[in-house]
C-alpha atoms as a PDB file:
ATOM      1  CA  MET A   1       6.031   9.858  -5.860  1.00  0.00           C
ATOM      2  CA  ARG A   2       9.390  10.551  -4.229  1.00  0.00           C
ATOM      3  CA  ARG A   3      11.524  13.660  -4.563  1.00  0.00           C
ATOM      4  CA  GLY A   4      14.183  11.592  -6.307  1.00  0.00           C
ATOM      5  CA  MET A   5      11.697  10.866  -9.077  1.00  0.00           C
ATOM      6  CA  LEU A   6      10.787  14.487  -9.787  1.00  0.00           C
ATOM      7  CA  PRO A   7      13.350  14.984 -12.588  1.00  0.00           C
ATOM      8  CA  MET A   8      12.151  11.974 -14.574  1.00  0.00           C
ATOM      9  CA  LEU A   9       8.483  12.834 -14.027  1.00  0.00           C
ATOM     10  CA  ARG A  10       8.854  16.097 -15.944  1.00  0.00           C
ATOM     11  CA  ASN A  11       8.264  14.086 -19.124  1.00  0.00           C
ATOM     12  CA  LEU A  12       5.184  12.306 -17.768  1.00  0.00           C
ATOM     13  CA  LYS A  13       2.038  12.799 -19.853  1.00  0.00           C
ATOM     14  CA  ASP A  14      -1.373  13.085 -18.239  1.00  0.00           C
ATOM     15  CA  SER A  15      -2.432   9.874 -19.960  1.00  0.00           C
ATOM     16  CA  ASP A  16       0.521   7.837 -18.656  1.00  0.00           C
ATOM     17  CA  VAL A  17      -0.924   7.246 -15.183  1.00  0.00           C
ATOM     18  CA  ASP A  18      -4.340   7.651 -13.573  1.00  0.00           C
ATOM     19  CA  PHE A  19      -3.214   8.563 -10.066  1.00  0.00           C
ATOM     20  CA  MET A  20      -0.090   8.893  -7.928  1.00  0.00           C
ATOM     21  CA  GLU A  21       0.689   7.946  -4.349  1.00  0.00           C
ATOM     22  CA  VAL A  22       2.841   9.685  -1.754  1.00  0.00           C
ATOM     23  CA  ALA A  23       3.796   9.222   1.867  1.00  0.00           C
ATOM     24  CA  PRO A  24       2.276  12.273   3.587  1.00  0.00           C
ATOM     25  CA  GLU A  25       5.223  12.388   6.010  1.00  0.00           C
ATOM     26  CA  ASN A  26       7.480  13.276   3.073  1.00  0.00           C
ATOM     27  CA  TRP A  27       5.389  16.290   2.021  1.00  0.00           C
ATOM     28  CA  ILE A  28       3.547  17.693   5.046  1.00  0.00           C
ATOM     29  CA  GLY A  29       4.881  21.191   5.676  1.00  0.00           C
ATOM     30  CA  VAL A  30       7.131  21.204   2.601  1.00  0.00           C
ATOM     31  CA  GLY A  31       7.201  24.622   0.942  1.00  0.00           C
ATOM     32  CA  GLY A  32       9.422  26.468  -1.502  1.00  0.00           C
ATOM     33  CA  ARG A  33      10.425  24.881  -4.799  1.00  0.00           C
ATOM     34  CA  PHE A  34       9.535  21.314  -3.774  1.00  0.00           C
ATOM     35  CA  GLY A  35       6.192  22.423  -2.364  1.00  0.00           C
ATOM     36  CA  ARG A  36       5.307  24.194  -5.606  1.00  0.00           C
ATOM     37  CA  GLN A  37       6.358  21.195  -7.671  1.00  0.00           C
ATOM     38  CA  PHE A  38       4.258  18.872  -5.533  1.00  0.00           C
ATOM     39  CA  ARG A  39       1.221  21.120  -5.782  1.00  0.00           C
ATOM     40  CA  ALA A  40       1.585  21.179  -9.560  1.00  0.00           C
ATOM     41  CA  TYR A  41       1.299  17.374  -9.609  1.00  0.00           C
ATOM     42  CA  THR A  42      -1.685  17.250  -7.244  1.00  0.00           C
ATOM     43  CA  GLU A  43      -3.459  19.665  -9.571  1.00  0.00           C
ATOM     44  CA  ARG A  44      -2.768  17.389 -12.565  1.00  0.00           C
ATOM     45  CA  PHE A  45      -3.415  13.954 -11.057  1.00  0.00           C
ATOM     46  CA  PRO A  46      -5.557  12.383  -8.339  1.00  0.00           C
ATOM     47  CA  PHE A  47      -3.388  11.333  -5.382  1.00  0.00           C
ATOM     48  CA  PHE A  48      -3.574   8.579  -2.770  1.00  0.00           C
ATOM     49  CA  CYS A  49      -1.607   8.691   0.500  1.00  0.00           C
ATOM     50  CA  HIS A  50       0.301   5.720   1.906  1.00  0.00           C
ATOM     51  CA  GLY A  51       1.673   6.453   5.364  1.00  0.00           C
ATOM     52  CA  LEU A  52       4.938   5.348   6.930  1.00  0.00           C
ATOM     53  CA  SER A  53       4.807   6.436  10.574  1.00  0.00           C
ATOM     54  CA  LEU A  54       1.287   6.036  11.935  1.00  0.00           C
ATOM     55  CA  SER A  55       2.660   2.983  13.793  1.00  0.00           C
ATOM     56  CA  ILE A  56      -0.782   1.500  14.252  1.00  0.00           C
ATOM     57  CA  GLY A  57       0.464  -1.427  16.365  1.00  0.00           C
ATOM     58  CA  SER A  58       2.816   0.574  18.588  1.00  0.00           C
ATOM     59  CA  PRO A  59       2.725   0.184  22.398  1.00  0.00           C
ATOM     60  CA  ALA A  60       3.077   3.984  22.569  1.00  0.00           C
ATOM     61  CA  ALA A  61       0.060   6.268  22.514  1.00  0.00           C
ATOM     62  CA  LEU A  62      -1.321   7.215  19.124  1.00  0.00           C
ATOM     63  CA  ASP A  63       0.152  10.466  17.819  1.00  0.00           C
ATOM     64  CA  VAL A  64      -3.134  12.354  17.543  1.00  0.00           C
ATOM     65  CA  GLU A  65      -1.498  15.612  16.476  1.00  0.00           C
ATOM     66  CA  PHE A  66       0.165  13.821  13.546  1.00  0.00           C
ATOM     67  CA  VAL A  67      -3.182  12.317  12.509  1.00  0.00           C
ATOM     68  CA  ARG A  68      -4.700  15.815  12.511  1.00  0.00           C
ATOM     69  CA  GLN A  69      -1.848  17.004  10.277  1.00  0.00           C
ATOM     70  CA  VAL A  70      -2.588  14.135   7.904  1.00  0.00           C
ATOM     71  CA  LYS A  71      -6.258  15.132   7.817  1.00  0.00           C
ATOM     72  CA  HIS A  72      -5.334  18.697   6.883  1.00  0.00           C
ATOM     73  CA  PHE A  73      -2.999  17.381   4.155  1.00  0.00           C
ATOM     74  CA  LEU A  74      -5.692  15.069   2.752  1.00  0.00           C
ATOM     75  CA  ASP A  75      -8.264  17.841   2.748  1.00  0.00           C
ATOM     76  CA  THR A  76      -5.903  20.411   1.212  1.00  0.00           C
ATOM     77  CA  HIS A  77      -4.998  18.172  -1.720  1.00  0.00           C
ATOM     78  CA  GLN A  78      -8.435  16.506  -1.995  1.00  0.00           C
ATOM     79  CA  ILE A  79      -6.970  13.056  -1.409  1.00  0.00           C
ATOM     80  CA  VAL A  80      -9.552  10.297  -1.077  1.00  0.00           C
ATOM     81  CA  TYR A  81      -7.512   7.300   0.088  1.00  0.00           C
ATOM     82  CA  TYR A  82      -5.186   7.136   3.090  1.00  0.00           C
ATOM     83  CA  SER A  83      -3.559   3.780   3.754  1.00  0.00           C
ATOM     84  CA  GLU A  84      -1.068   2.480   6.292  1.00  0.00           C
ATOM     85  CA  HIS A  85       0.838  -0.670   7.160  1.00  0.00           C
ATOM     86  CA  LEU A  86      -0.489  -3.318   9.522  1.00  0.00           C
ATOM     87  CA  SER A  87       2.684  -3.033  11.591  1.00  0.00           C
ATOM     88  CA  TYR A  88       4.443  -0.605  13.909  1.00  0.00           C
ATOM     89  CA  CYS A  89       7.585   1.486  13.758  1.00  0.00           C
ATOM     90  CA  SER A  90       7.823   3.237  17.128  1.00  0.00           C
ATOM     91  CA  ASP A  91       7.658   2.865  20.884  1.00  0.00           C
ATOM     92  CA  ASP A  92       7.687   5.375  23.709  1.00  0.00           C
ATOM     93  CA  LYS A  93      11.393   6.085  23.038  1.00  0.00           C
ATOM     94  CA  GLY A  94      10.948   7.198  19.438  1.00  0.00           C
ATOM     95  CA  HIS A  95      10.673   5.980  15.860  1.00  0.00           C
ATOM     96  CA  LEU A  96      12.486   3.004  14.395  1.00  0.00           C
ATOM     97  CA  TYR A  97      13.662   2.667  10.809  1.00  0.00           C
ATOM     98  CA  ASP A  98      11.726  -0.438   9.893  1.00  0.00           C
ATOM     99  CA  LEU A  99       8.208  -1.842   9.926  1.00  0.00           C
ATOM    100  CA  MET A 100       7.953  -4.331  12.773  1.00  0.00           C
ATOM    101  CA  PRO A 101       5.458  -7.228  12.852  1.00  0.00           C
ATOM    102  CA  ILE A 102       2.516  -7.060  15.223  1.00  0.00           C
ATOM    103  CA  PRO A 103       2.040 -10.327  17.180  1.00  0.00           C
ATOM    104  CA  PHE A 104      -0.758 -12.336  15.586  1.00  0.00           C
ATOM    105  CA  THR A 105      -2.936 -12.628  18.701  1.00  0.00           C
ATOM    106  CA  GLU A 106      -6.559 -11.951  19.593  1.00  0.00           C
ATOM    107  CA  GLU A 107      -5.423  -9.283  22.052  1.00  0.00           C
ATOM    108  CA  SER A 108      -3.555  -7.514  19.243  1.00  0.00           C
ATOM    109  CA  VAL A 109      -6.637  -7.625  17.020  1.00  0.00           C
ATOM    110  CA  TYR A 110      -8.693  -5.600  19.501  1.00  0.00           C
ATOM    111  CA  TYR A 111      -5.822  -3.254  20.353  1.00  0.00           C
ATOM    112  CA  VAL A 112      -5.009  -2.422  16.733  1.00  0.00           C
ATOM    113  CA  ALA A 113      -8.649  -2.195  15.670  1.00  0.00           C
ATOM    114  CA  GLN A 114      -9.396   0.331  18.421  1.00  0.00           C
ATOM    115  CA  ARG A 115      -6.515   2.511  17.218  1.00  0.00           C
ATOM    116  CA  ILE A 116      -7.663   2.265  13.599  1.00  0.00           C
ATOM    117  CA  ARG A 117     -11.168   3.339  14.621  1.00  0.00           C
ATOM    118  CA  GLN A 118      -9.667   6.291  16.500  1.00  0.00           C
ATOM    119  CA  VAL A 119      -7.740   7.349  13.381  1.00  0.00           C
ATOM    120  CA  GLN A 120     -10.850   6.993  11.222  1.00  0.00           C
ATOM    121  CA  ASP A 121     -12.844   9.140  13.637  1.00  0.00           C
ATOM    122  CA  ILE A 122     -10.246  11.931  13.469  1.00  0.00           C
ATOM    123  CA  LEU A 123      -9.863  11.725   9.688  1.00  0.00           C
ATOM    124  CA  GLU A 124     -13.622  11.419   9.183  1.00  0.00           C
ATOM    125  CA  ARG A 125     -13.083   8.690   6.596  1.00  0.00           C
ATOM    126  CA  LYS A 126     -12.161   5.024   6.446  1.00  0.00           C
ATOM    127  CA  ILE A 127      -8.526   4.082   5.968  1.00  0.00           C
ATOM    128  CA  ALA A 128      -7.028   1.089   4.165  1.00  0.00           C
ATOM    129  CA  ILE A 129      -4.626  -1.227   5.987  1.00  0.00           C
ATOM    130  CA  GLU A 130      -1.896  -3.022   4.032  1.00  0.00           C
ATOM    131  CA  ASN A 131      -0.932  -6.654   4.474  1.00  0.00           C
ATOM    132  CA  VAL A 132       2.796  -6.313   5.144  1.00  0.00           C
ATOM    133  CA  SER A 133       5.932  -8.335   4.518  1.00  0.00           C
ATOM    134  CA  PHE A 134       7.703  -9.525   7.663  1.00  0.00           C
ATOM    135  CA  TYR A 135      10.577 -11.794   8.589  1.00  0.00           C
ATOM    136  CA  ALA A 136       9.670 -13.082  12.054  1.00  0.00           C
ATOM    137  CA  ALA A 137       6.376 -13.766  13.822  1.00  0.00           C
ATOM    138  CA  PRO A 138       6.929 -13.239  17.564  1.00  0.00           C
ATOM    139  CA  GLY A 139       4.161 -14.446  19.853  1.00  0.00           C
ATOM    140  CA  GLN A 140       2.092 -15.834  16.984  1.00  0.00           C
ATOM    141  CA  GLN A 141      -1.181 -17.476  18.048  1.00  0.00           C
ATOM    142  CA  MET A 142      -3.199 -16.973  14.853  1.00  0.00           C
ATOM    143  CA  LYS A 143      -2.567 -17.493  11.167  1.00  0.00           C
ATOM    144  CA  GLU A 144      -1.475 -14.313   9.395  1.00  0.00           C
ATOM    145  CA  VAL A 145      -4.531 -14.289   7.135  1.00  0.00           C
ATOM    146  CA  ASP A 146      -6.904 -14.808  10.079  1.00  0.00           C
ATOM    147  CA  PHE A 147      -5.247 -11.942  11.932  1.00  0.00           C
ATOM    148  CA  ILE A 148      -5.623  -9.575   8.965  1.00  0.00           C
ATOM    149  CA  ASN A 149      -9.263 -10.522   8.430  1.00  0.00           C
ATOM    150  CA  ALA A 150     -10.053 -10.106  12.130  1.00  0.00           C
ATOM    151  CA  VAL A 151      -8.517  -6.622  12.221  1.00  0.00           C
ATOM    152  CA  LEU A 152     -10.414  -5.556   9.094  1.00  0.00           C
ATOM    153  CA  ALA A 153     -13.703  -6.754  10.552  1.00  0.00           C
ATOM    154  CA  GLU A 154     -13.197  -5.385  14.070  1.00  0.00           C
ATOM    155  CA  ALA A 155     -11.991  -1.979  12.828  1.00  0.00           C
ATOM    156  CA  ASP A 156     -14.453  -1.842   9.926  1.00  0.00           C
ATOM    157  CA  CYS A 157     -11.685  -0.521   7.689  1.00  0.00           C
ATOM    158  CA  GLU A 158     -10.547  -1.268   4.142  1.00  0.00           C
ATOM    159  CA  LEU A 159      -7.714  -3.394   2.756  1.00  0.00           C
ATOM    160  CA  LEU A 160      -4.743  -2.238   0.720  1.00  0.00           C
ATOM    161  CA  LEU A 161      -3.923  -5.497  -1.043  1.00  0.00           C
ATOM    162  CA  ASP A 162      -0.185  -5.850  -1.688  1.00  0.00           C
ATOM    163  CA  VAL A 163       0.368  -8.894  -3.905  1.00  0.00           C
ATOM    164  CA  ASN A 164       4.163  -8.679  -3.728  1.00  0.00           C
ATOM    165  CA  ASN A 165       4.016  -8.892   0.074  1.00  0.00           C
ATOM    166  CA  ILE A 166       1.899 -12.032  -0.195  1.00  0.00           C
ATOM    167  CA  TYR A 167       4.457 -13.586  -2.536  1.00  0.00           C
ATOM    168  CA  VAL A 168       7.439 -12.568  -0.373  1.00  0.00           C
ATOM    169  CA  ASN A 169       5.833 -13.982   2.770  1.00  0.00           C
ATOM    170  CA  SER A 170       4.811 -17.162   0.956  1.00  0.00           C
ATOM    171  CA  ILE A 171       8.468 -17.883   0.167  1.00  0.00           C
ATOM    172  CA  ASN A 172       9.796 -16.853   3.583  1.00  0.00           C
ATOM    173  CA  PHE A 173       7.161 -18.801   5.537  1.00  0.00           C
ATOM    174  CA  SER A 174       6.494 -21.644   3.078  1.00  0.00           C
ATOM    175  CA  TYR A 175       2.813 -21.190   2.340  1.00  0.00           C
ATOM    176  CA  ASP A 176       0.736 -21.136  -0.826  1.00  0.00           C
ATOM    177  CA  ALA A 177       0.263 -17.559  -2.082  1.00  0.00           C
ATOM    178  CA  GLU A 178      -2.852 -18.346  -4.105  1.00  0.00           C
ATOM    179  CA  GLN A 179      -4.539 -20.005  -1.134  1.00  0.00           C
ATOM    180  CA  PHE A 180      -3.627 -17.050   1.099  1.00  0.00           C
ATOM    181  CA  LEU A 181      -5.148 -14.679  -1.440  1.00  0.00           C
ATOM    182  CA  SER A 182      -8.356 -16.724  -1.599  1.00  0.00           C
ATOM    183  CA  GLU A 183      -8.698 -16.647   2.219  1.00  0.00           C
ATOM    184  CA  LEU A 184      -8.352 -12.860   2.558  1.00  0.00           C
ATOM    185  CA  ASP A 185     -11.446 -10.698   3.065  1.00  0.00           C
ATOM    186  CA  LEU A 186     -11.098  -9.247  -0.423  1.00  0.00           C
ATOM    187  CA  ALA A 187     -14.514  -7.594  -0.343  1.00  0.00           C
ATOM    188  CA  ARG A 188     -12.854  -4.834   1.697  1.00  0.00           C
ATOM    189  CA  THR A 189     -10.158  -4.139  -0.920  1.00  0.00           C
ATOM    190  CA  ALA A 190      -9.767  -0.434  -1.729  1.00  0.00           C
ATOM    191  CA  TYR A 191      -6.798  -0.666  -4.092  1.00  0.00           C
ATOM    192  CA  LEU A 192      -3.681  -2.722  -4.779  1.00  0.00           C
ATOM    193  CA  HIS A 193       0.113  -2.506  -4.704  1.00  0.00           C
ATOM    194  CA  VAL A 194       2.540  -4.399  -6.892  1.00  0.00           C
ATOM    195  CA  ALA A 195       6.341  -4.196  -6.671  1.00  0.00           C
ATOM    196  CA  GLY A 196       9.665  -5.918  -7.068  1.00  0.00           C
ATOM    197  CA  HIS A 197      11.812  -7.471  -4.341  1.00  0.00           C
ATOM    198  CA  TYR A 198      15.313  -8.795  -3.637  1.00  0.00           C
ATOM    199  CA  VAL A 199      16.296 -12.475  -3.687  1.00  0.00           C
ATOM    200  CA  GLU A 200      18.551 -12.954  -0.650  1.00  0.00           C
ATOM    201  CA  ALA A 201      18.490 -16.766  -0.818  1.00  0.00           C
ATOM    202  CA  GLU A 202      16.383 -19.550  -2.268  1.00  0.00           C
ATOM    203  CA  ASP A 203      14.107 -19.415   0.768  1.00  0.00           C
ATOM    204  CA  LEU A 204      14.413 -15.698   1.616  1.00  0.00           C
ATOM    205  CA  ARG A 205      12.950 -12.716  -0.211  1.00  0.00           C
ATOM    206  CA  VAL A 206      13.306  -9.100   0.962  1.00  0.00           C
ATOM    207  CA  ASP A 207      10.616  -6.559   0.091  1.00  0.00           C
ATOM    208  CA  THR A 208      12.692  -3.688  -1.333  1.00  0.00           C
ATOM    209  CA  HIS A 209      10.639  -2.009  -4.092  1.00  0.00           C
ATOM    210  CA  GLY A 210      13.967  -1.642  -5.867  1.00  0.00           C
ATOM    211  CA  SER A 211      13.602  -3.930  -8.883  1.00  0.00           C
ATOM    212  CA  ASP A 212      11.216  -5.006 -11.619  1.00  0.00           C
ATOM    213  CA  VAL A 213       8.113  -7.055 -10.844  1.00  0.00           C
ATOM    214  CA  ILE A 214       8.767 -10.769 -11.435  1.00  0.00           C
ATOM    215  CA  GLU A 215       6.537 -13.254 -13.268  1.00  0.00           C
ATOM    216  CA  PRO A 216       5.061 -15.059 -10.203  1.00  0.00           C
ATOM    217  CA  VAL A 217       3.977 -11.695  -8.783  1.00  0.00           C
ATOM    218  CA  TRP A 218       2.390 -10.715 -12.103  1.00  0.00           C
ATOM    219  CA  ALA A 219       0.513 -14.027 -12.002  1.00  0.00           C
ATOM    220  CA  LEU A 220      -0.678 -13.321  -8.462  1.00  0.00           C
ATOM    221  CA  LEU A 221      -1.854  -9.860  -9.533  1.00  0.00           C
ATOM    222  CA  GLU A 222      -3.844 -11.467 -12.344  1.00  0.00           C
ATOM    223  CA  SER A 223      -5.431 -13.824  -9.801  1.00  0.00           C
ATOM    224  CA  ALA A 224      -6.285 -10.877  -7.568  1.00  0.00           C
ATOM    225  CA  TYR A 225      -8.041  -9.082 -10.427  1.00  0.00           C
ATOM    226  CA  ALA A 226     -10.067 -12.214 -11.100  1.00  0.00           C
ATOM    227  CA  LYS A 227     -11.344 -11.999  -7.520  1.00  0.00           C
ATOM    228  CA  VAL A 228     -11.715  -8.236  -6.905  1.00  0.00           C
ATOM    229  CA  GLY A 229     -11.951  -6.784 -10.405  1.00  0.00           C
ATOM    230  CA  PRO A 230      -9.582  -4.221 -11.987  1.00  0.00           C
ATOM    231  CA  LEU A 231      -9.290  -1.945  -8.959  1.00  0.00           C
ATOM    232  CA  PRO A 232      -6.809   0.975  -8.836  1.00  0.00           C
ATOM    233  CA  THR A 233      -3.275  -0.413  -8.728  1.00  0.00           C
ATOM    234  CA  LEU A 234      -0.010   1.236  -7.768  1.00  0.00           C
ATOM    235  CA  LEU A 235       3.416   0.268  -9.098  1.00  0.00           C
ATOM    236  CA  GLU A 236       5.875   0.878  -6.227  1.00  0.00           C
ATOM    237  CA  ARG A 237       9.474   1.821  -6.945  1.00  0.00           C
ATOM    238  CA  ASP A 238      11.556   3.340  -4.118  1.00  0.00           C
ATOM    239  CA  PHE A 239      15.092   3.335  -5.558  1.00  0.00           C
ATOM    240  CA  ASN A 240      17.239   1.965  -8.411  1.00  0.00           C
ATOM    241  CA  TYR A 241      15.036   3.999 -10.721  1.00  0.00           C
ATOM    242  CA  PRO A 242      15.127   2.756 -14.317  1.00  0.00           C
ATOM    243  CA  PRO A 243      14.272   5.048 -17.240  1.00  0.00           C
ATOM    244  CA  LEU A 244      10.703   6.298 -17.197  1.00  0.00           C
ATOM    245  CA  THR A 245       9.969   4.193 -20.283  1.00  0.00           C
ATOM    246  CA  SER A 246      10.734   1.028 -18.284  1.00  0.00           C
ATOM    247  CA  LEU A 247       8.363   2.023 -15.480  1.00  0.00           C
ATOM    248  CA  LEU A 248       5.662   2.883 -17.995  1.00  0.00           C
ATOM    249  CA  SER A 249       6.059  -0.521 -19.643  1.00  0.00           C
ATOM    250  CA  GLU A 250       5.244  -2.165 -16.301  1.00  0.00           C
ATOM    251  CA  ILE A 251       2.253   0.141 -15.945  1.00  0.00           C
ATOM    252  CA  GLU A 252       1.091  -0.917 -19.388  1.00  0.00           C
ATOM    253  CA  ARG A 253       1.287  -4.534 -18.250  1.00  0.00           C
ATOM    254  CA  ILE A 254      -0.921  -3.667 -15.272  1.00  0.00           C
ATOM    255  CA  ARG A 255      -3.391  -2.045 -17.660  1.00  0.00           C
ATOM    256  CA  HIS A 256      -3.330  -5.110 -19.881  1.00  0.00           C
ATOM    257  CA  LEU A 257      -4.172  -7.397 -16.940  1.00  0.00           C
ATOM    258  CA  GLN A 258      -6.894  -5.009 -15.827  1.00  0.00           C
ATOM    259  CA  GLY A 259      -8.340  -4.999 -19.324  1.00  0.00           C
ATOM    260  CA  GLN A 260      -8.459  -8.786 -19.342  1.00  0.00           C
ATOM    261  CA  ALA A 261     -10.197  -8.794 -15.960  1.00  0.00           C
ATOM    262  CA  LEU A 262     -12.647  -6.162 -17.131  1.00  0.00           C
ATOM    263  CA  ALA A 263     -13.511  -8.207 -20.199  1.00  0.00           C
ATOM    264  CA  ARG A 264     -14.325 -11.164 -17.938  1.00  0.00           C
ATOM    265  CA  SER A 265     -16.415  -9.182 -15.483  1.00  0.00           C
ATOM    266  CA  SER A 266     -19.461  -6.940 -15.382  1.00  0.00           C
ATOM    267  CA  VAL A 267     -17.526  -3.988 -13.882  1.00  0.00           C
ATOM    268  CA  LEU A 268     -18.263  -0.812 -15.840  1.00  0.00           C
ATOM    269  CA  PRO A 269     -15.225   0.995 -17.306  1.00  0.00           C
ATOM    270  CA  GLN A 270     -16.029   4.246 -15.504  1.00  0.00           C
ATOM    271  CA  GLN A 271     -15.738   2.424 -12.167  1.00  0.00           C
ATOM    272  CA  THR A 272     -12.036   1.721 -12.619  1.00  0.00           C
ATOM    273  CA  GLN A 273      -8.949   3.856 -12.107  1.00  0.00           C
ATOM    274  CA  PRO A 274      -6.270   1.635 -13.574  1.00  0.00           C
ATOM    275  CA  THR A 275      -2.692   2.439 -12.710  1.00  0.00           C
ATOM    276  CA  ALA A 276      -0.328   4.638 -10.791  1.00  0.00           C
ATOM    277  CA  LEU A 277       3.277   5.256  -9.896  1.00  0.00           C
ATOM    278  CA  SER A 278       4.788   5.988  -6.491  1.00  0.00           C
END
């Protein structure tokens, strides 16, 4: 949920979504009218947090004070899940305005995993790490999927499975998205993201969260449900907001796919939390 979406969300019914997701950086310390509006939503819906500035792969020291602020925010709003990107966005000079790729090396695995464990110790809960989209792979010595799996195992953390990022990377780096999905350590999946992206060229996709989800990504989401079950799933939309009815139609498609997966599995209905909007 972004502040730009607040006007359209006034018409949201409690039954339209099962949870919402926010970046804690956008709401920590916010008071006044926006603070009251946010609190009204956290009292109506369960919330997940998806961070933007933890910078888990940064060469700079971990911002421990920020992590403590996140813990207070999670506790205040009774937020169960906190996720972040398997990337970095800062160095010792300050924050950048993009998510940079961590080199896929064994050294990076141990470095990043140690920082994740430190965060988990402060938060007193496991976090979920998202497989990210990226556009260059500097210093690569491992396959992307092997790097992700190694970090998950070494840190003993959870996975935020972003199916759009898999699809985007599969086009940009010419690999098979279904095979990548099958090789991930999906047993650690906490919840999923699905989103739209921008077609820059035939062989280049940009992860923007600014358009509708396309058919190949829907198909990949269906494949993911077949492997992990109908886990909580977030529809990401960061700008170019369509009418609320259009967003809710995509959410209904998520629910439809989850229902199909549920019918094929032994997962009990009360174990699922179907859909959400960011």
